[in-house]
Protein backbone atom coordinates (compact mmCIF):
# COMPACT_ATOMS: atom_id res chain seq x y z
CA MET A 1 14.71 24.57 22.09
CA SER A 2 11.24 24.96 19.21
CA LEU A 3 8.84 23.16 19.36
CA LYS A 4 5.31 23.03 16.33
CA TYR A 5 1.98 21.94 16.98
CA LEU A 6 1.46 18.61 14.72
CA HIS A 7 -2.06 16.62 14.53
CA THR A 8 -4.83 16.19 17.69
CA MET A 9 -5.62 11.88 17.71
CA VAL A 10 -9.16 10.86 18.17
CA ARG A 11 -10.77 7.57 18.41
CA VAL A 12 -13.40 6.73 15.80
CA LYS A 13 -15.79 3.79 16.15
CA ASP A 14 -18.00 4.32 13.27
CA LEU A 15 -15.34 6.31 10.07
CA ASP A 16 -16.96 7.20 7.05
CA ALA A 17 -20.32 8.44 9.18
CA THR A 18 -16.81 10.78 11.62
CA ILE A 19 -14.88 11.97 8.39
CA ASP A 20 -19.03 12.50 7.27
CA PHE A 21 -18.81 15.11 9.89
CA PHE A 22 -15.91 16.63 9.85
CA LYS A 23 -16.59 16.76 6.08
CA LEU A 24 -19.86 18.90 7.09
CA LEU A 25 -17.46 21.27 8.65
CA GLY A 26 -15.37 21.72 5.98
CA LEU A 27 -12.33 19.43 6.28
CA VAL A 28 -10.99 17.65 3.60
CA GLU A 29 -8.69 14.30 3.61
CA ARG A 30 -5.77 14.87 3.59
CA LYS A 31 -3.97 11.78 4.08
CA ARG A 32 -5.07 7.61 4.95
CA MET A 33 -2.97 5.28 6.14
CA GLU A 34 -3.92 1.50 5.98
CA ASN A 35 -2.27 -0.64 8.88
CA GLU A 36 -2.87 -4.42 8.39
CA LYS A 37 -0.25 -5.08 11.60
CA GLY A 38 -1.54 -2.81 13.79
CA ARG A 39 -5.33 -3.63 12.87
CA PHE A 40 -6.02 -0.21 12.41
CA THR A 41 -6.29 3.26 10.10
CA LEU A 42 -5.51 6.22 10.63
CA VAL A 43 -7.32 9.03 8.30
CA PHE A 44 -5.47 13.06 8.23
CA LEU A 45 -8.09 15.98 7.91
CA CYS A 46 -7.50 19.66 7.62
CA PRO A 47 -9.41 22.65 6.34
CA PRO A 48 -8.68 22.98 2.28
CA ASP A 49 -6.26 25.52 2.23
CA GLN A 50 -4.59 24.48 5.49
CA ALA A 51 -3.35 20.42 4.20
CA ASP A 52 0.43 21.64 4.96
CA GLY A 53 -0.14 18.88 8.04
CA HIS A 54 0.16 21.49 10.48
CA ASN A 55 -3.71 21.56 11.77
CA ASP A 56 -4.40 18.24 10.85
CA VAL A 57 -7.10 16.33 13.25
CA GLU A 58 -6.06 12.40 13.04
CA LEU A 59 -8.98 9.97 13.10
CA THR A 60 -8.16 6.15 14.43
CA TYR A 61 -10.35 3.47 13.83
CA ASN A 62 -9.32 0.00 15.30
CA TRP A 63 -10.52 -2.09 12.94
CA ASP A 64 -11.60 -5.01 15.81
CA GLY A 65 -12.71 -2.21 18.20
CA ASP A 66 -11.66 0.08 21.32
CA ASP A 67 -12.74 -2.63 24.14
CA GLY A 68 -9.22 -3.35 25.07
CA LEU A 69 -8.58 0.73 25.59
CA PRO A 70 -7.85 2.62 29.18
CA SER A 71 -11.02 3.26 30.81
CA ASP A 72 -10.48 7.21 30.88
CA SER A 73 -9.63 7.57 27.09
CA ARG A 74 -12.99 8.85 26.52
CA HIS A 75 -12.10 8.63 22.07
CA PHE A 76 -9.23 11.27 22.94
CA GLY A 77 -5.94 10.06 22.21
CA HIS A 78 -3.08 12.64 22.13
CA LEU A 79 -2.00 15.85 21.53
CA ALA A 80 1.35 15.98 19.48
CA TYR A 81 4.23 18.32 19.09
CA ARG A 82 7.57 17.38 16.70
CA CYS A 83 10.95 18.68 18.97
CA ASP A 84 14.41 18.82 17.66
CA ASN A 85 15.81 17.27 20.71
CA ILE A 86 14.02 14.44 21.66
CA TYR A 87 16.65 13.13 24.36
CA ASP A 88 17.38 16.95 25.47
CA LEU A 89 13.55 17.46 25.77
CA CYS A 90 12.80 14.38 27.56
CA GLN A 91 15.38 15.09 29.97
CA LYS A 92 14.32 18.62 30.88
CA LEU A 93 11.02 17.27 31.26
CA MET A 94 12.03 14.48 33.55
CA ASP A 95 14.17 17.00 35.84
CA ASN A 96 11.29 19.22 35.84
CA GLY A 97 8.73 16.24 37.63
CA VAL A 98 7.55 15.56 34.06
CA THR A 99 6.75 10.87 34.27
CA ILE A 100 8.02 9.68 30.79
CA ASN A 101 5.30 7.08 30.37
CA ARG A 102 6.44 6.25 26.83
CA PRO A 103 10.85 6.53 27.22
CA PRO A 104 12.61 7.35 23.69
CA ARG A 105 14.06 4.17 23.07
CA ASP A 106 13.51 4.18 19.11
CA GLY A 107 14.82 7.55 19.49
CA HIS A 108 11.86 9.00 18.09
CA MET A 109 8.79 9.03 19.56
CA ALA A 110 8.26 9.61 23.31
CA PHE A 111 4.62 9.83 24.94
CA VAL A 112 4.13 12.31 28.55
CA ARG A 113 0.81 13.31 30.59
CA SER A 114 0.11 16.73 31.42
CA PRO A 115 -1.61 17.32 34.57
CA ASP A 116 -4.48 16.97 33.75
CA ASN A 117 -3.70 13.85 32.37
CA ILE A 118 -3.67 14.92 28.57
CA SER A 119 -1.57 12.28 26.66
CA ILE A 120 1.21 14.31 24.61
CA GLU A 121 3.22 12.82 21.45
CA LEU A 122 6.86 14.20 21.12
CA LEU A 123 8.38 13.03 17.63
CA GLN A 124 11.41 13.90 17.07
CA GLU A 125 12.46 16.62 14.35
CA GLY A 126 13.99 14.40 11.07
CA GLU A 127 15.74 10.69 11.74
CA SER A 128 16.20 9.29 14.66
CA LEU A 129 18.47 9.73 17.30
CA PRO A 130 20.77 6.71 18.04
CA PRO A 131 19.52 4.33 20.62
CA GLN A 132 21.83 6.50 23.83
CA GLU A 133 21.02 5.42 27.75
CA PRO A 134 18.73 5.96 30.16
CA TRP A 135 16.31 6.10 27.26
CA ALA A 136 16.77 3.20 25.50
CA SER A 137 16.74 0.30 28.46
CA MET A 138 13.61 2.31 30.23
CA GLU A 139 10.49 0.58 30.55
CA ASN A 140 7.63 2.61 30.42
CA THR A 141 5.57 4.34 32.79
CA GLY A 142 1.14 3.89 33.11
CA HIS A 143 0.24 3.54 29.92
CA TRP A 144 -0.07 6.36 27.23
């Protein structure tokens, strides 16, 4: 089963100032997504010679602020990995005592936490898998 590192997400309070900081480090903006419904902006930055999308820092700017976030967020969001089969990987994790905080009900995305409480996003390679049990009816556990 292969695993490919995707990106690290951090929450920011001042998007422009944070972009300017990362530009000082030599990173460039690779992609930007504005989500009107979710009221957030995502900005993906990377070194200019690594614009393949596998070394990104994802800046997440919540338009309405971060007051509703869990108190342990410390502005670090998650690590993200793409996997060959999200159901098989989640089953393997569960079989080894890992709690699936956000089950892959959609056949595409799941969240787990490391022993140090680091949030890990798992994404299905390619198209979403068809919904299947027990995942389709599994509730969220804790926060992710």
